[in-house]
């Protein structure tokens, strides 16, 4: 092996051979600026040769090293008035953009007059204050079912709507609910559902619920439906949204509208992070556009109020709220209850949707015979009937339905009254931005 150094080099050389770490020297001869290396013996596969060549200082010109400071906090953030002003300004502008979007696309439409009285079709964007008053309705408007009212009120098809539908189907004679005694000291309540007749004259949503409960059987215990009803629940919700669109209550399917604005919120946050990275690298003010991130979070929160009702939907909602007012102030109308057959049971599913079962049951204190007669055909409890006790039992049934029917192998869904969807429903109207 020969190594040629620059002309005038005072060459020095040495080499080593053998296994790693060996000090055995091999042949190295320097002649002027040329060095020759030679191994005096054959090397095995695992042996190696190391050569060393040296020369005097100054023979080779070496460029000075390029030194760069390590990046530090001050390279990306200045933390001056301009930077803090930027984050505040971007946040304020982002929030204003969100509010402007809600003002333009999120507020409900409304008729200029009380439509079912005047039949006028002129409409406007629903004002924040004012509008037609809510008056008591003594019958479900338009013959709506409880689940339909639930979707119209909170713009969601949820487990509580299914709970109310099961009770409504029982009241209408499609199934019977039997409370089963607890098994052991620490056992939980269970209920047996018995199918009484086929799904004639039911909406597609109700047919799906009934078919999912029994699945060609005539009897089923609620606990047996755990992990088995989740797919039917999802399909039932889709059918309920389909029904809402068929009724022309919303301009866009509520879950689609919310989804689009969630995507817009994520885009705003990503855009804000991207601009902040640009500002950090080139302007040394990384906080300047970061206010768009909380604005995006605000838009994500506001997406729940972006499912826009049509004028027809707003009118039906006004009447539904009038019927809810009747359920919640039922004690005023106690004298009428004896004149209406089965009124306690007939309106009980609506009280579930409204989150007003306790108020509805309390209105029948002293009218136990009337209430008991209206529940005997479709509900069998484990103790004598009392309105308040029955209300508590029904809340337990609702909670069981909510957690059981929405259960999957990896997670459990919300319950009916004590948590989950019932709490959301009870507080959904009015929401901070539901004065649309």
Protein backbone atom coordinates (compact mmCIF):
# COMPACT_ATOMS: atom_id res chain seq x y z
CA UNK A 1 0.00 0.00 0.00
CA UNK A 2 1.45 3.41 -0.99
CA UNK A 3 0.42 6.84 0.35
CA UNK A 4 1.57 10.02 -1.47
CA UNK A 5 1.79 13.16 0.63
CA UNK A 6 2.14 16.75 -0.66
CA UNK A 7 5.53 17.78 -2.02
CA UNK A 8 7.98 18.77 0.74
CA UNK A 9 6.35 16.61 3.36
CA UNK A 10 8.58 15.28 6.13
CA UNK A 11 6.80 11.92 6.21
CA UNK A 12 6.56 9.70 9.24
CA UNK A 13 4.76 6.36 9.29
CA UNK A 14 3.92 3.31 11.32
CA UNK A 15 1.46 0.44 10.91
CA UNK A 16 0.02 -2.37 13.01
CA UNK A 17 -1.41 -5.75 12.12
CA UNK A 18 -3.19 -8.60 13.83
CA UNK A 19 -6.29 -8.89 15.91
CA UNK A 20 -8.04 -5.84 17.34
CA UNK A 21 -5.89 -4.22 20.03
CA UNK A 22 -2.69 -5.89 18.83
CA UNK A 23 0.62 -3.97 19.03
CA UNK A 24 2.37 -6.10 16.35
CA UNK A 25 3.95 -3.76 13.82
CA UNK A 26 4.07 -4.30 10.09
CA UNK A 27 6.38 -2.76 7.50
CA UNK A 28 6.18 1.03 6.97
CA UNK A 29 8.91 2.92 5.01
CA UNK A 30 8.91 6.67 4.29
CA UNK A 31 10.90 8.04 1.31
CA UNK A 32 10.50 11.76 0.77
CA UNK A 33 6.78 12.43 0.46
CA UNK A 34 5.91 8.79 -0.25
CA UNK A 35 5.12 6.13 2.34
CA UNK A 36 4.98 2.40 1.55
CA UNK A 37 3.22 -0.11 3.81
CA UNK A 38 3.67 -3.88 3.57
CA UNK A 39 2.48 -6.85 5.65
CA UNK A 40 5.29 -9.36 6.28
CA UNK A 41 2.90 -12.30 6.55
CA UNK A 42 -0.54 -13.44 5.37
CA UNK A 43 -3.42 -12.28 7.55
CA UNK A 44 -6.35 -14.43 8.63
CA UNK A 45 -9.97 -13.44 8.00
CA UNK A 46 -10.44 -11.82 11.39
CA UNK A 47 -7.13 -9.87 11.47
CA UNK A 48 -6.77 -6.28 10.35
CA UNK A 49 -4.15 -3.65 9.40
CA UNK A 50 -3.98 -0.09 10.74
CA UNK A 51 -1.76 2.48 8.99
CA UNK A 52 -0.61 5.83 10.36
CA UNK A 53 0.86 8.70 8.33
CA UNK A 54 2.16 12.01 9.70
CA UNK A 55 3.81 15.22 8.43
CA UNK A 56 4.88 18.59 9.74
CA UNK A 57 2.47 21.38 10.70
CA UNK A 58 1.59 23.97 8.06
CA UNK A 59 1.97 21.72 5.03
CA UNK A 60 -1.78 21.46 4.45
CA UNK A 61 -3.98 24.52 4.72
CA UNK A 62 -7.02 23.76 6.85
CA UNK A 63 -10.05 26.04 6.73
CA UNK A 64 -11.16 27.45 10.07
CA UNK A 65 -14.11 25.64 11.66
CA UNK A 66 -17.61 27.03 11.14
CA UNK A 67 -19.11 27.60 14.55
CA UNK A 68 -22.89 28.01 15.04
CA UNK A 69 -24.61 28.87 18.26
CA UNK A 70 -27.11 26.37 19.56
CA UNK A 71 -30.74 27.42 19.19
CA UNK A 72 -32.18 28.86 22.37
CA UNK A 73 -35.43 30.33 23.62
CA UNK A 74 -34.61 33.84 22.39
CA UNK A 75 -34.24 32.58 18.81
CA UNK A 76 -37.98 31.81 18.68
CA UNK A 77 -39.61 34.12 21.24
CA UNK A 78 -39.04 37.79 21.89
CA UNK A 79 -41.78 38.22 24.50
CA UNK A 80 -42.20 41.91 23.76
CA UNK A 81 -45.34 44.01 23.42
CA UNK A 82 -45.65 43.18 19.72
CA UNK A 83 -45.62 39.44 20.35
CA UNK A 84 -48.14 39.59 23.20
CA UNK A 85 -50.28 41.95 21.16
CA UNK A 86 -50.21 39.46 18.30
CA UNK A 87 -51.43 36.53 20.37
CA UNK A 88 -54.23 38.65 21.84
CA UNK A 89 -55.20 40.06 18.45
CA UNK A 90 -55.18 36.64 16.73
CA UNK A 91 -57.27 35.16 19.55
CA UNK A 92 -59.80 37.99 19.46
CA UNK A 93 -60.06 37.90 15.67
CA UNK A 94 -60.45 34.10 15.78
CA UNK A 95 -63.26 34.28 18.35
CA UNK A 96 -64.97 37.03 16.35
CA UNK A 97 -64.75 34.83 13.25
CA UNK A 98 -66.36 31.97 15.19
CA UNK A 99 -69.19 34.17 16.43
CA UNK A 100 -69.69 35.58 12.94
CA UNK A 101 -69.91 32.02 11.58
CA UNK A 102 -72.50 31.11 14.21
CA UNK A 103 -74.41 34.32 13.51
CA UNK A 104 -74.48 33.56 9.78
CA UNK A 105 -74.78 29.77 9.65
CA UNK A 106 -75.73 28.52 13.12
CA UNK A 107 -78.87 30.43 14.09
CA UNK A 108 -82.19 28.78 13.38
CA UNK A 109 -84.67 30.02 10.84
CA UNK A 110 -88.14 31.06 12.04
CA UNK A 111 -91.48 32.11 10.60
CA UNK A 112 -92.39 35.76 10.94
CA UNK A 113 -95.75 34.76 12.47
CA UNK A 114 -97.22 31.81 14.35
CA UNK A 115 -97.37 29.54 11.33
CA UNK A 116 -100.00 27.02 12.43
CA UNK A 117 -102.40 29.91 13.09
CA UNK A 118 -101.68 32.09 10.03
CA UNK A 119 -100.18 29.60 7.51
CA UNK A 120 -97.84 32.36 6.36
CA UNK A 121 -94.50 31.06 5.06
CA UNK A 122 -92.40 34.23 5.23
CA UNK A 123 -89.33 33.49 7.34
CA UNK A 124 -86.27 35.11 8.86
CA UNK A 125 -83.24 34.22 10.89
CA UNK A 126 -84.49 33.66 14.41
CA UNK A 127 -83.88 36.77 16.55
CA UNK A 128 -81.84 36.41 19.70
CA UNK A 129 -84.67 37.79 21.78
CA UNK A 130 -88.37 37.95 21.18
CA UNK A 131 -90.31 35.82 18.74
CA UNK A 132 -93.57 33.90 19.17
CA UNK A 133 -94.33 33.03 22.79
CA UNK A 134 -94.32 29.48 24.16
CA UNK A 135 -97.81 28.52 25.25
CA UNK A 136 -98.94 25.33 26.96
CA UNK A 137 -99.82 22.45 24.62
CA UNK A 138 -101.98 19.74 26.16
CA UNK A 139 -101.34 17.17 23.43
CA UNK A 140 -98.15 16.07 21.67
CA UNK A 141 -97.94 18.45 18.68
CA UNK A 142 -98.28 16.86 15.25
CA UNK A 143 -98.67 13.45 16.93
CA UNK A 144 -94.91 13.27 17.48
CA UNK A 145 -93.31 10.39 19.35
CA UNK A 146 -90.96 10.99 22.30
CA UNK A 147 -87.75 10.21 20.38
CA UNK A 148 -88.71 12.66 17.64
CA UNK A 149 -89.16 15.39 20.24
CA UNK A 150 -85.80 14.48 21.75
CA UNK A 151 -83.97 14.96 18.46
CA UNK A 152 -85.79 18.20 17.75
CA UNK A 153 -84.93 19.65 21.17
CA UNK A 154 -81.23 18.89 21.51
CA UNK A 155 -80.41 18.11 17.87
CA UNK A 156 -79.09 14.68 18.87
CA UNK A 157 -80.26 11.09 18.56
CA UNK A 158 -79.03 9.52 21.77
CA UNK A 159 -79.58 6.63 24.15
CA UNK A 160 -82.23 8.50 26.11
CA UNK A 161 -84.38 8.61 22.97
CA UNK A 162 -84.16 4.80 22.76
CA UNK A 163 -85.06 4.49 26.44
CA UNK A 164 -88.15 6.64 25.97
CA UNK A 165 -89.05 4.67 22.84
CA UNK A 166 -88.93 1.34 24.71
CA UNK A 167 -91.28 2.69 27.38
CA UNK A 168 -93.50 4.22 24.68
CA UNK A 169 -93.69 0.88 22.84
CA UNK A 170 -94.68 -0.78 26.12
CA UNK A 171 -97.39 1.82 26.78
CA UNK A 172 -98.73 1.27 23.25
CA UNK A 173 -98.93 -2.48 23.80
CA UNK A 174 -95.97 -3.77 21.81
CA UNK A 175 -94.08 -5.18 24.79
CA UNK A 176 -94.32 -5.75 28.54
CA UNK A 177 -91.69 -4.74 31.10
CA UNK A 178 -91.26 -6.91 34.20
CA UNK A 179 -88.94 -5.92 37.03
CA UNK A 180 -86.98 -8.93 38.29
CA UNK A 181 -85.96 -9.34 41.94
CA UNK A 182 -82.32 -8.84 42.84
CA UNK A 183 -80.18 -11.98 42.93
CA UNK A 184 -78.30 -12.10 46.22
CA UNK A 185 -77.24 -9.28 48.52
CA UNK A 186 -75.05 -7.54 45.97
CA UNK A 187 -77.01 -8.32 42.83
CA UNK A 188 -78.22 -5.56 40.52
CA UNK A 189 -81.72 -4.97 39.23
CA UNK A 190 -82.76 -6.53 35.96
CA UNK A 191 -85.84 -6.35 33.77
CA UNK A 192 -87.50 -8.82 31.44
CA UNK A 193 -89.01 -7.60 28.17
CA UNK A 194 -91.81 -9.62 26.62
CA UNK A 195 -92.92 -8.99 23.05
CA UNK A 196 -96.72 -8.78 22.76
CA UNK A 197 -97.33 -8.02 19.07
CA UNK A 198 -95.54 -7.37 15.80
CA UNK A 199 -94.21 -4.02 14.65
CA UNK A 200 -97.23 -2.87 12.67
CA UNK A 201 -97.79 0.87 12.17
CA UNK A 202 -94.38 1.77 13.59
CA UNK A 203 -91.83 4.21 12.23
CA UNK A 204 -88.59 2.73 10.80
CA UNK A 205 -86.78 3.89 13.93
CA UNK A 206 -89.22 2.12 16.23
CA UNK A 207 -89.17 -1.05 14.13
CA UNK A 208 -85.40 -1.17 14.35
CA UNK A 209 -85.47 -0.75 18.14
CA UNK A 210 -88.09 -3.48 18.56
CA UNK A 211 -86.28 -5.87 16.21
CA UNK A 212 -82.94 -5.21 17.91
CA UNK A 213 -84.39 -5.91 21.35
CA UNK A 214 -85.92 -9.30 20.57
CA UNK A 215 -84.06 -10.54 17.45
CA UNK A 216 -86.73 -13.19 16.62
CA UNK A 217 -87.28 -13.99 20.33
CA UNK A 218 -90.38 -13.24 22.38
CA UNK A 219 -88.65 -12.70 25.73
CA UNK A 220 -85.31 -11.20 26.67
CA UNK A 221 -83.70 -9.97 29.88
CA UNK A 222 -82.10 -6.56 29.73
CA UNK A 223 -78.75 -7.84 30.98
CA UNK A 224 -78.61 -10.29 28.05
CA UNK A 225 -78.49 -7.37 25.61
CA UNK A 226 -75.14 -6.10 26.87
CA UNK A 227 -72.58 -5.97 24.03
CA UNK A 228 -75.30 -7.06 21.57
CA UNK A 229 -77.33 -3.92 20.90
CA UNK A 230 -74.63 -1.38 20.06
CA UNK A 231 -74.94 -1.88 16.28
CA UNK A 232 -78.74 -1.69 16.47
CA UNK A 233 -78.41 1.45 18.57
CA UNK A 234 -76.20 3.12 15.99
CA UNK A 235 -78.57 2.17 13.17
CA UNK A 236 -81.57 3.34 15.18
CA UNK A 237 -79.95 6.74 15.65
CA UNK A 238 -79.30 6.98 11.91
CA UNK A 239 -82.96 6.21 11.21
CA UNK A 240 -84.00 8.85 13.72
CA UNK A 241 -81.85 11.43 11.94
CA UNK A 242 -83.36 10.27 8.63
CA UNK A 243 -86.81 10.89 10.08
CA UNK A 244 -85.82 14.39 11.24
CA UNK A 245 -84.61 15.25 7.74
CA UNK A 246 -87.76 13.76 6.22
CA UNK A 247 -89.78 16.04 8.50
CA UNK A 248 -87.66 18.97 7.18
CA UNK A 249 -86.67 20.12 10.66
CA UNK A 250 -83.01 20.77 9.79
CA UNK A 251 -81.20 22.21 6.80
CA UNK A 252 -78.35 19.67 7.20
CA UNK A 253 -78.24 16.45 9.21
CA UNK A 254 -77.28 17.60 12.71
CA UNK A 255 -74.38 15.19 13.15
CA UNK A 256 -73.03 16.14 9.70
CA UNK A 257 -73.26 19.86 10.51
CA UNK A 258 -71.42 19.36 13.79
CA UNK A 259 -68.79 17.24 12.06
CA UNK A 260 -68.10 19.88 9.41
CA UNK A 261 -67.53 22.56 12.03
CA UNK A 262 -65.32 20.26 14.10
CA UNK A 263 -63.17 19.81 10.99
CA UNK A 264 -63.12 23.60 10.55
CA UNK A 265 -62.05 23.98 14.19
CA UNK A 266 -59.19 21.51 13.73
CA UNK A 267 -58.13 23.34 10.57
CA UNK A 268 -58.08 26.65 12.45
CA UNK A 269 -55.90 25.20 15.20
CA UNK A 270 -53.49 23.57 12.70
CA UNK A 271 -53.32 26.84 10.74
CA UNK A 272 -52.57 28.72 13.97
CA UNK A 273 -49.77 26.30 14.88
CA UNK A 274 -48.33 26.55 11.37
CA UNK A 275 -48.31 30.35 11.41
CA UNK A 276 -46.76 30.27 14.88
CA UNK A 277 -43.92 28.07 13.62
CA UNK A 278 -43.35 30.50 10.73
CA UNK A 279 -43.34 33.45 13.12
CA UNK A 280 -40.93 31.64 15.45
CA UNK A 281 -38.43 30.84 12.68
CA UNK A 282 -38.52 34.08 10.70
CA UNK A 283 -39.93 36.74 13.04
CA UNK A 284 -38.62 35.36 16.35
CA UNK A 285 -42.10 35.78 17.78
CA UNK A 286 -43.60 32.29 18.07
CA UNK A 287 -46.61 33.41 20.11
CA UNK A 288 -47.83 35.91 17.55
CA UNK A 289 -50.52 33.73 15.88
CA UNK A 290 -51.02 31.23 18.70
CA UNK A 291 -54.32 32.86 19.69
CA UNK A 292 -55.95 30.92 16.82
CA UNK A 293 -55.58 27.70 18.83
CA UNK A 294 -58.00 28.65 21.68
CA UNK A 295 -60.24 30.21 19.03
CA UNK A 296 -60.32 26.80 17.32
CA UNK A 297 -61.20 25.16 20.63
CA UNK A 298 -64.03 27.67 21.00
CA UNK A 299 -65.27 26.78 17.51
CA UNK A 300 -65.18 23.09 18.45
CA UNK A 301 -67.37 23.90 21.45
CA UNK A 302 -69.68 26.01 19.29
CA UNK A 303 -70.02 23.19 16.74
CA UNK A 304 -72.73 21.73 18.99
CA UNK A 305 -74.89 24.74 18.17
CA UNK A 306 -74.31 24.68 14.42
CA UNK A 307 -77.12 22.24 13.51
CA UNK A 308 -79.48 24.81 12.03
CA UNK A 309 -83.24 24.25 12.29
CA UNK A 310 -85.51 25.27 9.45
CA UNK A 311 -88.41 27.65 10.07
CA UNK A 312 -90.70 24.60 10.17
CA UNK A 313 -88.40 22.92 12.69
CA UNK A 314 -88.36 26.02 14.90
CA UNK A 315 -92.15 26.19 14.85
CA UNK A 316 -92.51 22.53 15.83
CA UNK A 317 -89.87 23.04 18.53
CA UNK A 318 -91.88 25.95 19.95
CA UNK A 319 -94.89 23.69 20.23
CA UNK A 320 -92.85 20.84 21.71
CA UNK A 321 -91.59 23.23 24.39
CA UNK A 322 -95.21 24.13 25.04
CA UNK A 323 -95.99 20.45 25.61
CA UNK A 324 -92.95 20.16 27.87
CA UNK A 325 -94.29 23.13 29.84
CA UNK A 326 -97.49 21.17 30.38
CA UNK A 327 -95.56 18.11 31.66
CA UNK A 328 -93.40 20.20 33.99
CA UNK A 329 -96.33 22.14 35.45
CA UNK A 330 -98.68 19.17 35.57
CA UNK A 331 -99.75 19.81 39.16
CA UNK A 332 -101.80 22.77 37.90
CA UNK A 333 -103.98 20.39 35.88
CA UNK A 334 -104.60 17.59 38.40
CA UNK A 335 -108.35 17.99 38.11
CA UNK A 336 -108.20 17.01 34.45
CA UNK A 337 -106.34 13.74 35.02
CA UNK A 338 -109.35 11.70 36.12
CA UNK A 339 -111.11 12.76 32.93
CA UNK A 340 -108.41 11.35 30.62
CA UNK A 341 -107.89 7.63 30.49
CA UNK A 342 -104.31 6.33 30.90
CA UNK A 343 -102.88 9.85 30.80
CA UNK A 344 -100.17 9.00 33.36
CA UNK A 345 -98.68 6.21 31.25
CA UNK A 346 -99.43 7.81 27.89
CA UNK A 347 -97.32 10.88 28.62
CA UNK A 348 -94.69 9.11 30.73
CA UNK A 349 -92.30 8.49 27.75
CA UNK A 350 -92.42 12.20 26.98
CA UNK A 351 -91.54 12.98 30.59
CA UNK A 352 -88.49 10.72 30.17
CA UNK A 353 -87.30 12.72 27.17
CA UNK A 354 -87.95 16.02 28.98
CA UNK A 355 -86.12 14.85 32.12
CA UNK A 356 -89.32 15.47 34.11
CA UNK A 357 -90.36 12.01 35.35
CA UNK A 358 -90.19 13.10 38.98
CA UNK A 359 -92.42 16.14 38.37
CA UNK A 360 -94.87 14.09 36.33
CA UNK A 361 -95.11 11.40 39.03
CA UNK A 362 -95.47 13.97 41.80
CA UNK A 363 -98.48 15.44 40.02
CA UNK A 364 -100.29 12.11 40.57
CA UNK A 365 -99.81 11.94 44.33
CA UNK A 366 -103.27 11.24 45.69
CA UNK A 367 -104.33 9.77 42.34
CA UNK A 368 -102.60 6.41 42.84
CA UNK A 369 -105.51 4.40 41.49
CA UNK A 370 -105.57 6.37 38.24
CA UNK A 371 -101.82 6.07 37.74
CA UNK A 372 -101.69 2.39 38.73
CA UNK A 373 -104.45 1.48 36.30
CA UNK A 374 -102.56 3.10 33.45
CA UNK A 375 -99.36 1.12 34.10
CA UNK A 376 -100.74 -2.30 35.03
CA UNK A 377 -101.00 -3.55 31.45
CA UNK A 378 -97.38 -2.93 30.50
CA UNK A 379 -95.26 -2.80 33.69
CA UNK A 380 -94.96 -5.24 36.57
CA UNK A 381 -92.92 -4.15 39.58
CA UNK A 382 -91.74 -5.97 42.68
CA UNK A 383 -93.79 -3.92 45.17
CA UNK A 384 -97.16 -2.12 45.33
CA UNK A 385 -97.57 0.90 43.07
CA UNK A 386 -96.83 4.38 44.34
CA UNK A 387 -96.14 7.26 41.91
CA UNK A 388 -92.87 8.31 43.54
CA UNK A 389 -91.68 4.71 43.95
CA UNK A 390 -92.62 3.94 40.37
CA UNK A 391 -90.70 7.05 39.26
CA UNK A 392 -87.62 5.79 41.07
CA UNK A 393 -88.01 2.30 39.55
CA UNK A 394 -88.38 3.79 36.09
CA UNK A 395 -85.26 5.85 36.57
CA UNK A 396 -83.41 2.65 37.48
CA UNK A 397 -84.80 1.01 34.35
CA UNK A 398 -83.71 3.95 32.23
CA UNK A 399 -80.21 3.90 33.70
CA UNK A 400 -79.96 0.16 33.01
CA UNK A 401 -81.19 0.60 29.44
CA UNK A 402 -78.72 3.43 28.79
CA UNK A 403 -75.66 1.56 30.07
CA UNK A 404 -76.65 -1.84 28.67
CA UNK A 405 -77.77 -1.01 25.14
CA UNK A 406 -74.80 1.24 24.37
CA UNK A 407 -72.20 -1.14 25.79
CA UNK A 408 -69.47 -2.42 23.50
CA UNK A 409 -66.61 -4.78 24.21
CA UNK A 410 -64.26 -1.87 24.83
CA UNK A 411 -66.48 0.75 26.44
CA UNK A 412 -69.82 1.47 28.07
CA UNK A 413 -72.26 4.17 27.05
CA UNK A 414 -74.12 6.83 29.00
CA UNK A 415 -77.11 6.06 31.15
CA UNK A 416 -80.60 7.44 30.97
CA UNK A 417 -81.57 9.51 34.01
CA UNK A 418 -78.79 9.55 36.55
CA UNK A 419 -76.06 10.43 34.07
CA UNK A 420 -75.00 10.51 30.44
CA UNK A 421 -77.59 11.58 27.95
CA UNK A 422 -80.31 12.39 30.45
CA UNK A 423 -78.19 15.06 32.12
CA UNK A 424 -77.33 16.51 28.73
CA UNK A 425 -80.99 16.48 27.72
CA UNK A 426 -82.14 18.06 30.96
CA UNK A 427 -79.78 20.99 30.45
CA UNK A 428 -79.80 21.19 26.66
CA UNK A 429 -82.58 23.79 26.48
CA UNK A 430 -81.86 26.52 26.73
CA UNK A 431 -78.13 26.32 26.10
CA UNK A 432 -75.95 29.43 26.05
CA UNK A 433 -76.40 29.72 22.29
CA UNK A 434 -79.78 28.06 21.84
CA UNK A 435 -81.68 31.34 21.64
CA UNK A 436 -81.41 31.01 17.88
